[in-house]
C-alpha cells in the first residue's frame, strides 16, 4: 500500500505543478495585454478593395460573360 500512497502523492504534485505553470502563463499574457495601447487590441478590419468599383466579384464575372 505505501507504493499507492507514493504514486497518488506524485500525481497530485504533478497536477499542482501543471496548474501553477498555466496560471503563470495566463498571468504573463494578461499583464502583457494590459501594457499594450488600446488601438493594438482593437479588432482589425479588412482593408477596402483597391478598385473603386461598387460591383461585387460575382457581378464583375457576369459582365465578362456578356
N, C-alpha and C. Protein backbone atom coordinates (compact mmCIF):
# COMPACT_ATOMS: atom_id res chain seq x y z
N UNK A 1 0.79 -1.20 0.00
CA UNK A 1 0.00 0.00 0.00
C UNK A 1 0.84 1.28 0.00
N UNK A 2 2.03 1.29 0.56
CA UNK A 2 2.83 2.52 0.53
C UNK A 2 3.12 2.99 -0.90
N UNK A 3 3.26 2.07 -1.84
CA UNK A 3 3.53 2.45 -3.22
C UNK A 3 2.36 3.24 -3.80
N UNK A 4 1.12 2.87 -3.41
CA UNK A 4 -0.06 3.57 -3.89
C UNK A 4 -0.10 5.00 -3.36
N UNK A 5 0.19 5.15 -2.08
CA UNK A 5 0.23 6.48 -1.46
C UNK A 5 1.29 7.33 -2.15
N UNK A 6 2.43 6.74 -2.43
CA UNK A 6 3.51 7.46 -3.09
C UNK A 6 3.10 7.88 -4.51
N UNK A 7 2.46 7.00 -5.24
CA UNK A 7 2.04 7.31 -6.61
C UNK A 7 0.96 8.40 -6.62
N UNK A 8 0.00 8.31 -5.71
CA UNK A 8 -1.05 9.32 -5.62
C UNK A 8 -0.44 10.67 -5.26
N UNK A 9 0.48 10.67 -4.33
CA UNK A 9 1.16 11.89 -3.92
C UNK A 9 1.92 12.50 -5.10
N UNK A 10 2.60 11.67 -5.85
CA UNK A 10 3.35 12.14 -7.02
C UNK A 10 2.39 12.73 -8.07
N UNK A 11 1.27 12.07 -8.29
CA UNK A 11 0.29 12.55 -9.28
C UNK A 11 -0.31 13.89 -8.85
N UNK A 12 -0.64 14.03 -7.59
CA UNK A 12 -1.19 15.29 -7.08
C UNK A 12 -0.16 16.40 -7.22
N UNK A 13 1.07 16.11 -6.91
CA UNK A 13 2.14 17.10 -7.05
C UNK A 13 2.28 17.53 -8.51
N UNK A 14 2.17 16.59 -9.41
CA UNK A 14 2.27 16.89 -10.84
C UNK A 14 1.11 17.79 -11.29
N UNK A 15 -0.08 17.50 -10.81
CA UNK A 15 -1.26 18.31 -11.16
C UNK A 15 -1.10 19.73 -10.64
N UNK A 16 -0.65 19.86 -9.42
CA UNK A 16 -0.46 21.19 -8.82
C UNK A 16 0.60 21.97 -9.59
N UNK A 17 1.69 21.32 -9.95
CA UNK A 17 2.75 21.99 -10.71
C UNK A 17 2.22 22.45 -12.07
N UNK A 18 1.48 21.60 -12.74
CA UNK A 18 0.91 21.96 -14.05
C UNK A 18 -0.02 23.16 -13.92
N UNK A 19 -0.83 23.16 -12.89
CA UNK A 19 -1.75 24.27 -12.68
C UNK A 19 -1.00 25.57 -12.42
N UNK A 20 0.07 25.50 -11.65
CA UNK A 20 0.88 26.69 -11.37
C UNK A 20 1.52 27.23 -12.64
N UNK A 21 1.98 26.35 -13.50
CA UNK A 21 2.59 26.77 -14.76
C UNK A 21 1.56 27.48 -15.64
N UNK A 22 0.38 26.90 -15.75
CA UNK A 22 -0.68 27.51 -16.55
C UNK A 22 -1.09 28.86 -15.98
N UNK A 23 -1.19 28.95 -14.66
CA UNK A 23 -1.54 30.21 -14.01
C UNK A 23 -0.50 31.28 -14.32
N UNK A 24 0.77 30.93 -14.29
CA UNK A 24 1.84 31.89 -14.61
C UNK A 24 1.76 32.35 -16.06
N UNK A 25 1.49 31.43 -16.96
CA UNK A 25 1.38 31.78 -18.38
C UNK A 25 0.22 32.76 -18.59
N UNK A 26 -0.93 32.45 -18.00
CA UNK A 26 -2.09 33.33 -18.14
C UNK A 26 -1.79 34.70 -17.54
N UNK A 27 -1.16 34.73 -16.39
CA UNK A 27 -0.81 36.00 -15.74
C UNK A 27 0.10 36.83 -16.65
N UNK A 28 1.11 36.19 -17.23
CA UNK A 28 2.04 36.90 -18.13
C UNK A 28 1.31 37.48 -19.34
N UNK A 29 0.40 36.71 -19.92
CA UNK A 29 -0.34 37.18 -21.09
C UNK A 29 -1.24 38.35 -20.72
N UNK A 30 -1.94 38.25 -19.60
CA UNK A 30 -2.83 39.33 -19.17
C UNK A 30 -2.03 40.60 -18.89
N UNK A 31 -0.90 40.47 -18.23
CA UNK A 31 -0.07 41.64 -17.94
C UNK A 31 0.47 42.27 -19.23
N UNK A 32 0.88 41.43 -20.18
CA UNK A 32 1.40 41.95 -21.45
C UNK A 32 0.31 42.68 -22.22
N UNK A 33 -0.90 42.13 -22.22
CA UNK A 33 -2.01 42.80 -22.92
C UNK A 33 -2.38 44.10 -22.24
N UNK A 34 -2.27 44.17 -20.93
CA UNK A 34 -2.62 45.39 -20.20
C UNK A 34 -1.64 46.52 -20.53
N UNK A 35 -0.42 46.18 -20.91
CA UNK A 35 0.59 47.19 -21.22
C UNK A 35 0.50 47.68 -22.66
N UNK A 36 -0.24 47.00 -23.51
CA UNK A 36 -0.35 47.40 -24.91
C UNK A 36 -1.35 48.54 -25.06
N UNK A 37 -1.12 49.42 -26.02
CA UNK A 37 -2.07 50.51 -26.27
C UNK A 37 -3.41 49.95 -26.76
N UNK A 38 -4.51 50.61 -26.45
CA UNK A 38 -5.84 50.10 -26.84
C UNK A 38 -5.99 49.89 -28.34
N UNK A 39 -5.36 50.73 -29.16
CA UNK A 39 -5.52 50.56 -30.61
C UNK A 39 -4.90 49.26 -31.12
N UNK A 40 -3.94 48.72 -30.40
CA UNK A 40 -3.36 47.43 -30.80
C UNK A 40 -4.30 46.28 -30.47
N UNK A 41 -5.16 46.48 -29.50
CA UNK A 41 -6.07 45.42 -29.07
C UNK A 41 -7.38 45.43 -29.84
N UNK A 42 -7.67 46.53 -30.55
CA UNK A 42 -8.92 46.63 -31.31
C UNK A 42 -8.90 45.62 -32.44
N UNK A 43 -10.06 45.05 -32.76
CA UNK A 43 -10.09 44.09 -33.87
C UNK A 43 -9.73 44.80 -35.17
N UNK A 44 -9.00 44.13 -35.99
CA UNK A 44 -8.57 44.71 -37.26
C UNK A 44 -9.63 44.44 -38.32
N UNK A 45 -10.03 45.50 -39.02
CA UNK A 45 -11.00 45.36 -40.09
C UNK A 45 -10.26 45.10 -41.39
N UNK A 46 -10.89 44.35 -42.31
CA UNK A 46 -10.23 44.12 -43.60
C UNK A 46 -10.09 45.42 -44.36
N UNK A 47 -9.04 45.53 -45.14
CA UNK A 47 -8.81 46.75 -45.91
C UNK A 47 -9.82 46.82 -47.05
N UNK A 48 -10.21 48.03 -47.45
CA UNK A 48 -11.18 48.18 -48.54
C UNK A 48 -10.56 47.70 -49.85
N UNK A 49 -11.40 47.36 -50.82
CA UNK A 49 -10.87 46.89 -52.11
C UNK A 49 -10.06 48.00 -52.78
N UNK A 50 -9.07 47.59 -53.55
CA UNK A 50 -8.17 48.57 -54.19
C UNK A 50 -8.85 49.32 -55.33
N UNK A 51 -9.83 48.69 -56.00
CA UNK A 51 -10.53 49.38 -57.09
C UNK A 51 -11.78 50.05 -56.52
N UNK A 52 -12.11 51.22 -57.04
CA UNK A 52 -13.28 51.94 -56.53
C UNK A 52 -14.60 51.39 -57.04
N UNK A 53 -14.58 50.25 -57.68
CA UNK A 53 -15.78 49.66 -58.24
C UNK A 53 -16.76 49.28 -57.14
N UNK A 54 -18.04 49.53 -57.40
CA UNK A 54 -19.06 49.17 -56.42
C UNK A 54 -19.66 47.82 -56.74
N UNK A 55 -19.22 47.19 -57.83
CA UNK A 55 -19.74 45.88 -58.20
C UNK A 55 -19.08 44.80 -57.35
N UNK A 56 -19.87 43.78 -57.05
CA UNK A 56 -19.31 42.63 -56.35
C UNK A 56 -18.51 41.79 -57.34
N UNK A 57 -17.73 40.87 -56.85
CA UNK A 57 -16.95 39.99 -57.72
C UNK A 57 -17.86 39.18 -58.63
N UNK A 58 -19.01 38.77 -58.09
CA UNK A 58 -19.96 37.99 -58.88
C UNK A 58 -20.48 38.83 -60.05
N UNK A 59 -20.84 40.10 -59.77
CA UNK A 59 -21.33 40.98 -60.82
C UNK A 59 -20.25 41.23 -61.87
N UNK A 60 -19.02 41.35 -61.45
CA UNK A 60 -17.92 41.57 -62.39
C UNK A 60 -17.75 40.36 -63.30
N UNK A 61 -17.87 39.15 -62.74
CA UNK A 61 -17.74 37.94 -63.55
C UNK A 61 -18.89 37.82 -64.54
N UNK A 62 -20.10 38.21 -64.14
CA UNK A 62 -21.24 38.16 -65.05
C UNK A 62 -21.01 39.09 -66.24
N UNK A 63 -20.41 40.23 -66.00
CA UNK A 63 -20.13 41.19 -67.06
C UNK A 63 -19.15 40.64 -68.08
N UNK A 64 -18.27 39.75 -67.68
CA UNK A 64 -17.29 39.17 -68.59
C UNK A 64 -17.93 38.18 -69.54
N UNK A 65 -19.03 37.55 -69.12
CA UNK A 65 -19.67 36.54 -69.95
C UNK A 65 -20.45 37.15 -71.09
N UNK A 66 -20.87 38.39 -70.97
CA UNK A 66 -21.72 39.01 -72.00
C UNK A 66 -20.97 39.41 -73.22
